[in-house]
């Protein structure tokens, strides 16, 4: 079935080109998206704890950064938490690969520094067959970085929610699908975050389409159980994994997943970060932002663009302007939403596999930061509504068309990267920041008032 579906979606010439350039036998592998930059040292009794929290936006003093309370203020999450919508009674599932031997200590160090109460429950489900952690294995170490980011920042945005980390036995697709299905079938949580992706180009063959079919069946199972699924849109602009041509990232390109793109957030004063400041602006994530002393695109850019494997879903057909639909040519556009992803303006994470000291933190960026935080905020909203939002794309796009979403419309920048032309931010939906970045305090009152 997958092969037939593939053949009907492409002209013969395009089909032949992909068959000639793609592996004949494909064993799909996902890539964690967390980007680790500077190591910084906390001063526990100082306010703020890190000098990067008050640096200039022009990067003349180095990379600026944000703590959990600043990000909460930037997106209105503090309004949710202060009103009691803090994730209580909800469980966030983080799906990653391999696991981390330091994650419990990492979360404890994060909570201790920022004085955030520990989650009511934090469980790690290690899937059968997972190999022991090998500190000389770069792939495994990379996933510990992703796990640290995902767990700590999901907890920061939904401090009263339970967290379950499902550690797949590897980062091959089928193992991650098994982990996803385990979470759904065992009703582990109401929302699932996936901060990983792979290029659709690598999936453009019969074996790859079978993998997509397996993922799609898992996502349908989640939707049927009213579980919300998020995925990061990627960190190399429109060229997901350096193929030199535009390619959307999967699973973010699935229409059953809410895809999270990236921005560079400015919170503080007009010229510098400041935890006592206010929301200033956002632009499409394309680091380093406004730094003439570093070559462009040093760190990354937000994923986005047009799928060539996933047809345009009804929620985009019914709610996007015709001019946008003409650009999509009948295929799925990503991302759906956006969130801070800049390494310029990175978030603070403790990673014991990189530095065991409890006061040693790292600046992290990438759309990987947005997916778990979005998941956490949906847990906050669920806790307030005493309901599971389930698949939210239909509601998001309907509210957007009706002018009721109250998203911040990002209109500056583009997500080009490494010589591959990206898509510019425009008024309304675009292929770099989707519907934009929201004020979650407003979103909380509207999201669950619509049927799934």
Protein backbone atom coordinates (compact mmCIF):
# COMPACT_ATOMS: atom_id res chain seq x y z
CA UNK A 1 0.00 0.00 0.00
CA UNK A 2 2.78 2.44 0.90
CA UNK A 3 4.55 1.89 -2.41
CA UNK A 4 1.34 2.47 -4.36
CA UNK A 5 0.66 5.64 -2.36
CA UNK A 6 4.15 6.87 -3.14
CA UNK A 7 3.74 6.25 -6.86
CA UNK A 8 0.48 8.20 -7.06
CA UNK A 9 1.91 11.32 -5.43
CA UNK A 10 4.84 11.99 -7.70
CA UNK A 11 5.41 12.38 -11.38
CA UNK A 12 7.34 9.49 -12.91
CA UNK A 13 10.44 11.67 -13.31
CA UNK A 14 10.46 12.78 -9.68
CA UNK A 15 9.78 9.24 -8.52
CA UNK A 16 12.70 7.95 -10.56
CA UNK A 17 15.00 10.66 -9.26
CA UNK A 18 14.29 9.74 -5.64
CA UNK A 19 14.64 6.02 -6.29
CA UNK A 20 18.04 6.65 -7.85
CA UNK A 21 19.30 8.91 -5.06
CA UNK A 22 17.67 7.30 -2.00
CA UNK A 23 18.85 4.12 -0.28
CA UNK A 24 17.24 1.01 -1.72
CA UNK A 25 16.80 -0.42 1.75
CA UNK A 26 15.94 2.14 4.37
CA UNK A 27 16.21 1.66 8.14
CA UNK A 28 14.88 5.02 9.33
CA UNK A 29 16.70 6.79 12.13
CA UNK A 30 15.62 9.85 14.04
CA UNK A 31 17.99 12.62 15.10
CA UNK A 32 17.72 14.45 18.42
CA UNK A 33 17.52 18.18 17.89
CA UNK A 34 18.94 19.77 21.04
CA UNK A 35 21.76 22.25 20.37
CA UNK A 36 24.28 22.70 23.17
CA UNK A 37 26.25 25.95 23.25
CA UNK A 38 28.12 27.63 26.12
CA UNK A 39 28.69 26.09 29.52
CA UNK A 40 27.82 28.60 32.27
CA UNK A 41 28.35 28.51 36.00
CA UNK A 42 25.51 29.30 38.37
CA UNK A 43 25.92 31.48 41.42
CA UNK A 44 23.14 30.04 43.62
CA UNK A 45 22.66 33.06 45.88
CA UNK A 46 22.87 35.69 43.15
CA UNK A 47 19.94 37.30 41.32
CA UNK A 48 20.03 36.46 38.50
CA UNK A 49 21.98 33.22 38.77
CA UNK A 50 23.79 33.68 35.43
CA UNK A 51 25.44 36.70 33.83
CA UNK A 52 23.99 35.71 30.45
CA UNK A 53 20.52 36.63 31.71
CA UNK A 54 21.26 40.38 31.32
CA UNK A 55 23.46 40.49 28.21
CA UNK A 56 22.83 42.70 25.19
CA UNK A 57 20.78 41.43 22.28
CA UNK A 58 23.51 42.40 19.81
CA UNK A 59 25.69 39.63 21.36
CA UNK A 60 28.55 42.03 21.97
CA UNK A 61 28.78 40.52 25.47
CA UNK A 62 28.23 36.95 24.32
CA UNK A 63 25.11 34.80 24.13
CA UNK A 64 22.16 35.91 26.22
CA UNK A 65 19.93 33.38 27.99
CA UNK A 66 16.66 32.83 29.82
CA UNK A 67 15.63 31.06 33.00
CA UNK A 68 12.24 29.32 33.45
CA UNK A 69 10.52 32.31 35.04
CA UNK A 70 11.48 34.61 32.17
CA UNK A 71 10.09 32.20 29.58
CA UNK A 72 6.92 31.81 31.64
CA UNK A 73 6.49 35.59 31.64
CA UNK A 74 7.25 35.91 27.93
CA UNK A 75 4.45 33.55 26.88
CA UNK A 76 1.90 34.12 29.62
CA UNK A 77 2.52 30.75 31.24
CA UNK A 78 2.85 32.52 34.58
CA UNK A 79 -0.80 33.55 34.16
CA UNK A 80 -1.76 29.89 33.82
CA UNK A 81 0.32 28.71 36.76
CA UNK A 82 -0.71 31.56 39.06
CA UNK A 83 -4.37 30.83 38.34
CA UNK A 84 -3.91 27.20 39.35
CA UNK A 85 -3.51 25.77 35.83
CA UNK A 86 -0.20 24.15 36.67
CA UNK A 87 -0.57 20.64 35.25
CA UNK A 88 -1.94 19.05 38.41
CA UNK A 89 -3.49 15.68 37.70
CA UNK A 90 -1.89 15.48 34.24
CA UNK A 91 1.05 13.45 32.98
CA UNK A 92 3.47 14.54 30.25
CA UNK A 93 5.17 11.80 28.28
CA UNK A 94 8.63 12.55 26.90
CA UNK A 95 9.68 10.14 24.14
CA UNK A 96 13.42 9.87 23.56
CA UNK A 97 16.01 7.16 22.87
CA UNK A 98 18.41 5.18 25.08
CA UNK A 99 17.80 7.05 28.33
CA UNK A 100 20.16 8.93 30.62
CA UNK A 101 21.93 7.68 33.75
CA UNK A 102 21.90 11.18 35.26
CA UNK A 103 18.41 12.43 34.47
CA UNK A 104 17.06 12.19 38.03
CA UNK A 105 20.05 14.11 39.38
CA UNK A 106 19.85 16.57 36.48
CA UNK A 107 16.24 17.40 37.25
CA UNK A 108 17.00 17.70 40.96
CA UNK A 109 19.85 20.16 40.27
CA UNK A 110 17.60 22.21 37.97
CA UNK A 111 14.80 22.31 40.53
CA UNK A 112 17.14 23.14 43.37
CA UNK A 113 18.73 26.10 41.61
CA UNK A 114 15.46 27.62 40.43
CA UNK A 115 13.49 26.58 43.54
CA UNK A 116 10.86 24.69 41.58
CA UNK A 117 9.18 21.89 43.56
CA UNK A 118 9.91 18.41 42.28
CA UNK A 119 7.16 16.89 40.11
CA UNK A 120 4.64 14.74 41.99
CA UNK A 121 6.00 11.77 40.08
CA UNK A 122 8.89 11.29 37.66
CA UNK A 123 9.16 7.84 36.12
CA UNK A 124 11.50 6.40 33.54
CA UNK A 125 10.23 3.58 31.35
CA UNK A 126 13.13 1.85 29.66
CA UNK A 127 11.96 -0.25 26.76
CA UNK A 128 13.12 -3.90 26.62
CA UNK A 129 16.39 -4.39 24.81
CA UNK A 130 17.83 -0.96 25.61
CA UNK A 131 21.64 -1.30 25.84
CA UNK A 132 23.57 -0.09 28.89
CA UNK A 133 24.69 3.53 28.68
CA UNK A 134 28.10 3.91 27.04
CA UNK A 135 29.74 7.29 27.77
CA UNK A 136 32.02 6.84 24.73
CA UNK A 137 29.02 6.52 22.39
CA UNK A 138 28.36 9.98 20.97
CA UNK A 139 24.87 9.03 19.86
CA UNK A 140 23.88 8.00 23.38
CA UNK A 141 25.48 11.08 24.94
CA UNK A 142 23.62 13.28 22.48
CA UNK A 143 20.33 11.79 23.58
CA UNK A 144 21.16 12.48 27.25
CA UNK A 145 21.40 16.15 26.27
CA UNK A 146 18.01 15.98 24.59
CA UNK A 147 16.49 14.17 27.56
CA UNK A 148 17.82 16.77 30.00
CA UNK A 149 16.33 19.63 27.97
CA UNK A 150 12.98 17.90 27.46
CA UNK A 151 12.41 16.79 31.05
CA UNK A 152 13.60 19.96 32.79
CA UNK A 153 11.72 22.40 30.61
CA UNK A 154 8.52 20.38 30.47
CA UNK A 155 8.59 20.40 34.27
CA UNK A 156 9.36 24.14 34.36
CA UNK A 157 6.21 24.96 32.38
CA UNK A 158 3.91 22.49 34.18
CA UNK A 159 5.40 22.20 37.67
CA UNK A 160 2.55 20.13 39.16
CA UNK A 161 2.34 17.60 36.31
CA UNK A 162 3.72 14.09 36.47
CA UNK A 163 6.42 13.23 33.95
CA UNK A 164 7.10 9.90 32.29
CA UNK A 165 10.24 9.52 30.21
CA UNK A 166 9.86 6.67 27.73
CA UNK A 167 13.34 5.62 26.61
CA UNK A 168 13.19 3.67 23.35
CA UNK A 169 15.87 1.01 22.92
CA UNK A 170 17.40 2.95 20.00
CA UNK A 171 16.78 5.95 17.77
CA UNK A 172 15.61 3.83 14.85
CA UNK A 173 12.06 4.61 13.87
CA UNK A 174 10.47 1.30 14.73
CA UNK A 175 11.93 1.34 18.24
CA UNK A 176 10.61 4.86 18.81
CA UNK A 177 7.24 3.83 17.38
CA UNK A 178 7.20 0.94 19.86
CA UNK A 179 7.87 3.41 22.67
CA UNK A 180 5.12 5.72 21.45
CA UNK A 181 2.61 2.88 21.21
CA UNK A 182 3.60 1.66 24.67
CA UNK A 183 2.80 5.10 26.10
CA UNK A 184 -0.56 5.26 24.35
CA UNK A 185 -1.65 1.68 24.96
CA UNK A 186 -0.79 1.96 28.66
CA UNK A 187 -2.41 5.39 29.04
CA UNK A 188 0.77 6.89 30.46
CA UNK A 189 -0.19 10.51 29.80
CA UNK A 190 -2.43 13.04 28.07
CA UNK A 191 0.27 14.65 25.94
CA UNK A 192 3.43 13.36 24.24
CA UNK A 193 6.50 15.37 23.17
CA UNK A 194 8.91 14.25 20.43
CA UNK A 195 11.98 16.44 20.00
CA UNK A 196 13.49 14.60 17.06
CA UNK A 197 13.12 14.33 13.31
CA UNK A 198 14.45 13.06 10.01
CA UNK A 199 14.32 14.37 6.47
CA UNK A 200 11.42 13.34 4.28
CA UNK A 201 13.98 12.80 1.53
CA UNK A 202 15.31 9.81 3.45
CA UNK A 203 11.78 8.45 3.70
CA UNK A 204 10.94 8.87 0.02
CA UNK A 205 11.17 5.19 -0.85
CA UNK A 206 8.95 2.15 -0.24
CA UNK A 207 10.61 1.19 3.06
CA UNK A 208 10.42 4.77 4.29
CA UNK A 209 6.76 5.03 3.42
CA UNK A 210 6.09 1.88 5.41
CA UNK A 211 7.75 3.59 8.36
CA UNK A 212 5.53 6.65 7.88
CA UNK A 213 2.47 4.38 7.75
CA UNK A 214 3.49 2.83 11.08
CA UNK A 215 3.96 6.25 12.66
CA UNK A 216 0.62 7.44 11.29
CA UNK A 217 -1.16 4.44 12.78
CA UNK A 218 0.43 5.23 16.14
CA UNK A 219 -0.62 8.88 15.89
CA UNK A 220 -4.19 7.90 15.07
CA UNK A 221 -4.19 5.66 18.12
CA UNK A 222 -3.11 8.65 20.20
CA UNK A 223 -5.78 10.91 18.71
CA UNK A 224 -8.44 8.25 19.33
CA UNK A 225 -7.35 8.31 22.99
CA UNK A 226 -7.47 12.14 23.11
CA UNK A 227 -3.70 12.42 23.49
CA UNK A 228 -1.99 15.52 22.08
CA UNK A 229 1.24 14.92 20.15
CA UNK A 230 3.93 17.53 19.51
CA UNK A 231 7.12 17.34 17.44
CA UNK A 232 9.92 19.81 16.82
CA UNK A 233 10.16 21.06 13.23
CA UNK A 234 13.95 20.82 12.88
CA UNK A 235 17.04 22.95 13.32
CA UNK A 236 18.57 23.38 9.86
CA UNK A 237 15.95 25.56 8.27
CA UNK A 238 14.09 24.07 5.33
CA UNK A 239 16.92 21.58 4.68
CA UNK A 240 16.25 19.09 7.45
CA UNK A 241 19.49 17.09 7.42
CA UNK A 242 21.86 18.77 5.02
CA UNK A 243 20.69 17.29 1.72
CA UNK A 244 21.16 20.68 0.06
CA UNK A 245 17.50 21.01 -0.93
CA UNK A 246 14.27 21.85 0.91
CA UNK A 247 12.84 18.92 2.86
CA UNK A 248 10.36 18.93 5.73
CA UNK A 249 11.12 17.00 8.91
CA UNK A 250 9.09 13.96 9.92
CA UNK A 251 7.27 13.33 12.29
CA UNK A 252 6.62 17.08 12.48
CA UNK A 253 5.15 16.95 8.97
CA UNK A 254 2.47 14.46 10.02
CA UNK A 255 -0.93 16.14 9.97
CA UNK A 256 -1.75 14.26 13.20
CA UNK A 257 1.09 16.00 15.05
CA UNK A 258 1.36 19.66 16.06
CA UNK A 259 4.63 20.91 14.61
CA UNK A 260 6.63 23.44 16.63
CA UNK A 261 8.86 25.90 14.78
CA UNK A 262 11.39 28.33 16.19
CA UNK A 263 11.91 32.00 16.99
CA UNK A 264 14.55 34.22 18.48
CA UNK A 265 12.81 35.75 21.50
CA UNK A 266 13.71 39.14 22.92
CA UNK A 267 12.52 39.62 26.48
CA UNK A 268 13.94 42.42 28.63
CA UNK A 269 14.56 46.01 27.60
CA UNK A 270 14.86 47.39 24.09
CA UNK A 271 18.54 46.46 23.91
CA UNK A 272 19.27 43.71 26.43
CA UNK A 273 17.85 40.64 28.10
CA UNK A 274 16.49 41.26 31.57
CA UNK A 275 14.50 38.87 33.73
CA UNK A 276 12.61 41.87 35.16
CA UNK A 277 11.77 43.17 31.70
CA UNK A 278 8.92 42.67 29.28
CA UNK A 279 8.23 40.96 25.98
CA UNK A 280 9.94 42.95 23.24
CA UNK A 281 9.72 41.02 19.97
CA UNK A 282 10.35 37.80 18.11
CA UNK A 283 11.77 36.93 14.71
CA UNK A 284 12.24 33.68 12.85
CA UNK A 285 14.95 31.62 14.52
CA UNK A 286 18.12 31.96 12.45
CA UNK A 287 21.16 32.13 14.71
CA UNK A 288 23.18 34.05 15.47
CA UNK A 289 20.68 36.88 15.49
CA UNK A 290 22.17 40.34 14.94
CA UNK A 291 25.80 39.39 15.49
CA UNK A 292 28.11 40.76 12.84
CA UNK A 293 31.16 39.16 14.43
CA UNK A 294 30.11 35.56 13.83
CA UNK A 295 29.40 34.01 10.44
CA UNK A 296 25.70 33.65 9.70
CA UNK A 297 23.95 30.39 10.51
CA UNK A 298 26.48 29.26 13.10
CA UNK A 299 23.94 27.41 15.22
CA UNK A 300 20.80 26.75 13.20
CA UNK A 301 17.45 27.93 11.92
CA UNK A 302 13.86 26.87 12.46
CA UNK A 303 12.54 24.00 10.36
CA UNK A 304 9.56 24.51 8.12
CA UNK A 305 8.29 24.40 4.59
CA UNK A 306 6.14 22.09 2.51
CA UNK A 307 5.91 18.33 2.82
CA UNK A 308 6.07 16.27 -0.35
CA UNK A 309 4.88 13.06 1.32
CA UNK A 310 1.90 14.22 3.40
CA UNK A 311 -1.18 15.65 1.65
CA UNK A 312 -2.67 18.91 2.84
CA UNK A 313 -4.95 18.21 5.81
CA UNK A 314 -8.49 19.52 5.98
CA UNK A 315 -7.62 21.91 8.81
CA UNK A 316 -5.30 23.75 6.41
CA UNK A 317 -7.60 23.42 3.37
CA UNK A 318 -10.52 24.86 5.30
CA UNK A 319 -8.80 27.64 7.21
CA UNK A 320 -5.81 29.04 5.31
CA UNK A 321 -6.06 31.81 2.71
CA UNK A 322 -6.05 30.72 -0.92
CA UNK A 323 -2.70 32.44 -1.48
CA UNK A 324 -1.09 30.17 1.13
CA UNK A 325 -2.81 27.06 -0.23
CA UNK A 326 -1.47 27.91 -3.69
CA UNK A 327 2.03 27.82 -2.22
CA UNK A 328 1.44 24.41 -0.64
CA UNK A 329 0.31 22.75 -3.90
CA UNK A 330 -1.94 20.34 -2.04
CA UNK A 331 0.62 19.25 0.56
CA UNK A 332 1.04 19.74 4.30
CA UNK A 333 2.65 22.98 5.44
CA UNK A 334 4.76 23.18 8.61
CA UNK A 335 5.17 24.33 11.30
CA UNK A 336 1.80 24.86 12.95
CA UNK A 337 3.05 27.01 15.83
CA UNK A 338 6.34 28.47 17.03
CA UNK A 339 8.27 29.04 20.25
CA UNK A 340 11.62 30.35 21.41
CA UNK A 341 14.38 28.18 19.91
CA UNK A 342 17.36 30.47 19.61
CA UNK A 343 20.77 29.65 20.94
CA UNK A 344 20.89 33.44 21.04
CA UNK A 345 18.38 33.55 23.86
CA UNK A 346 18.95 29.94 24.85
CA UNK A 347 17.48 28.21 27.88
CA UNK A 348 19.46 26.89 30.84
CA UNK A 349 19.80 23.12 31.31
CA UNK A 350 21.78 20.86 33.63
CA UNK A 351 23.42 17.83 31.99
CA UNK A 352 25.34 15.52 34.29
CA UNK A 353 26.83 13.49 31.45
CA UNK A 354 28.63 16.65 30.30
CA UNK A 355 29.44 18.26 33.65
CA UNK A 356 28.64 16.58 36.99
CA UNK A 357 28.79 19.74 39.13
CA UNK A 358 25.27 20.71 40.28
CA UNK A 359 25.98 24.36 39.47
CA UNK A 360 27.28 23.72 35.93
CA UNK A 361 24.62 24.47 33.32
CA UNK A 362 24.55 24.80 29.55
CA UNK A 363 22.79 27.09 27.10
CA UNK A 364 20.49 25.08 24.86
CA UNK A 365 18.65 26.03 21.71
CA UNK A 366 16.75 24.36 18.90
CA UNK A 367 13.10 23.63 18.20
CA UNK A 368 13.63 20.74 20.63
CA UNK A 369 13.07 23.31 23.37
CA UNK A 370 9.62 24.23 22.08
CA UNK A 371 8.02 20.79 21.81
CA UNK A 372 8.23 19.79 25.51
CA UNK A 373 7.19 23.26 26.64
CA UNK A 374 4.16 23.24 24.37
CA UNK A 375 3.32 19.78 25.73
CA UNK A 376 3.58 21.12 29.27
CA UNK A 377 1.34 24.07 28.56
CA UNK A 378 -1.33 21.78 27.12
CA UNK A 379 -1.04 19.82 30.37
CA UNK A 380 -1.62 23.10 32.23
CA UNK A 381 -4.69 23.82 30.12
CA UNK A 382 -5.97 20.27 30.58
CA UNK A 383 -5.61 20.60 34.34
CA UNK A 384 -7.72 23.76 34.32
CA UNK A 385 -10.43 22.34 32.06
CA UNK A 386 -10.45 18.87 33.64
CA UNK A 387 -10.40 17.60 30.08
CA UNK A 388 -7.92 16.26 27.54
CA UNK A 389 -7.47 18.60 24.60
CA UNK A 390 -6.52 15.73 22.28
CA UNK A 391 -5.48 16.56 18.72
CA UNK A 392 -5.48 20.37 18.64
CA UNK A 393 -4.63 21.30 15.04
CA UNK A 394 -8.25 21.66 13.93
CA UNK A 395 -9.01 23.99 16.85
CA UNK A 396 -5.85 26.04 16.32
CA UNK A 397 -6.54 26.71 12.65
CA UNK A 398 -10.25 27.35 13.18
CA UNK A 399 -9.52 29.85 15.93
CA UNK A 400 -6.89 31.45 13.74
CA UNK A 401 -9.34 31.89 10.84
CA UNK A 402 -11.90 33.36 13.24
CA UNK A 403 -9.38 35.84 14.66
CA UNK A 404 -9.75 34.33 18.13
CA UNK A 405 -6.36 32.68 18.63
CA UNK A 406 -4.57 35.83 19.87
CA UNK A 407 -1.23 34.56 18.65
CA UNK A 408 1.68 36.90 18.23
CA UNK A 409 2.21 37.12 14.50
CA UNK A 410 5.93 36.81 13.71
CA UNK A 411 6.65 38.85 10.58
CA UNK A 412 10.44 39.30 10.65
CA UNK A 413 13.12 36.98 9.30
CA UNK A 414 13.28 33.75 7.33
CA UNK A 415 14.44 30.18 7.94
CA UNK A 416 17.11 29.85 5.28
CA UNK A 417 20.15 27.89 6.38
CA UNK A 418 23.55 26.90 4.99
CA UNK A 419 22.88 28.33 1.55
CA UNK A 420 19.40 26.83 1.12
CA UNK A 421 16.77 29.54 0.70
CA UNK A 422 14.09 29.50 3.34
CA UNK A 423 10.61 30.97 3.72
CA UNK A 424 10.06 34.50 4.99
CA UNK A 425 7.82 35.33 7.89
CA UNK A 426 4.69 37.07 6.68
CA UNK A 427 1.45 38.39 8.11
CA UNK A 428 -0.67 35.41 9.11
CA UNK A 429 0.36 31.79 8.62
CA UNK A 430 3.78 31.20 7.09
CA UNK A 431 6.20 28.32 6.54
CA UNK A 432 8.71 29.49 9.12
CA UNK A 433 6.61 30.18 12.24
CA UNK A 434 3.20 28.76 11.35
CA UNK A 435 0.42 30.60 13.16
CA UNK A 436 2.96 32.39 15.35
CA UNK A 437 3.62 32.33 19.08
CA UNK A 438 0.68 32.61 21.46
CA UNK A 439 -0.28 34.24 24.68
CA UNK A 440 -1.09 31.07 26.57
CA UNK A 441 -3.16 32.89 29.13
CA UNK A 442 -5.65 33.78 26.39
CA UNK A 443 -5.38 30.41 24.69
CA UNK A 444 -6.40 28.61 27.88
CA UNK A 445 -9.87 30.11 27.82
CA UNK A 446 -10.62 29.11 24.23
CA UNK A 447 -8.82 25.91 23.29
CA UNK A 448 -11.04 23.45 25.11
CA UNK A 449 -14.28 25.21 24.16
CA UNK A 450 -14.08 23.57 20.71
CA UNK A 451 -14.72 19.93 19.93
CA UNK A 452 -11.89 17.77 18.62
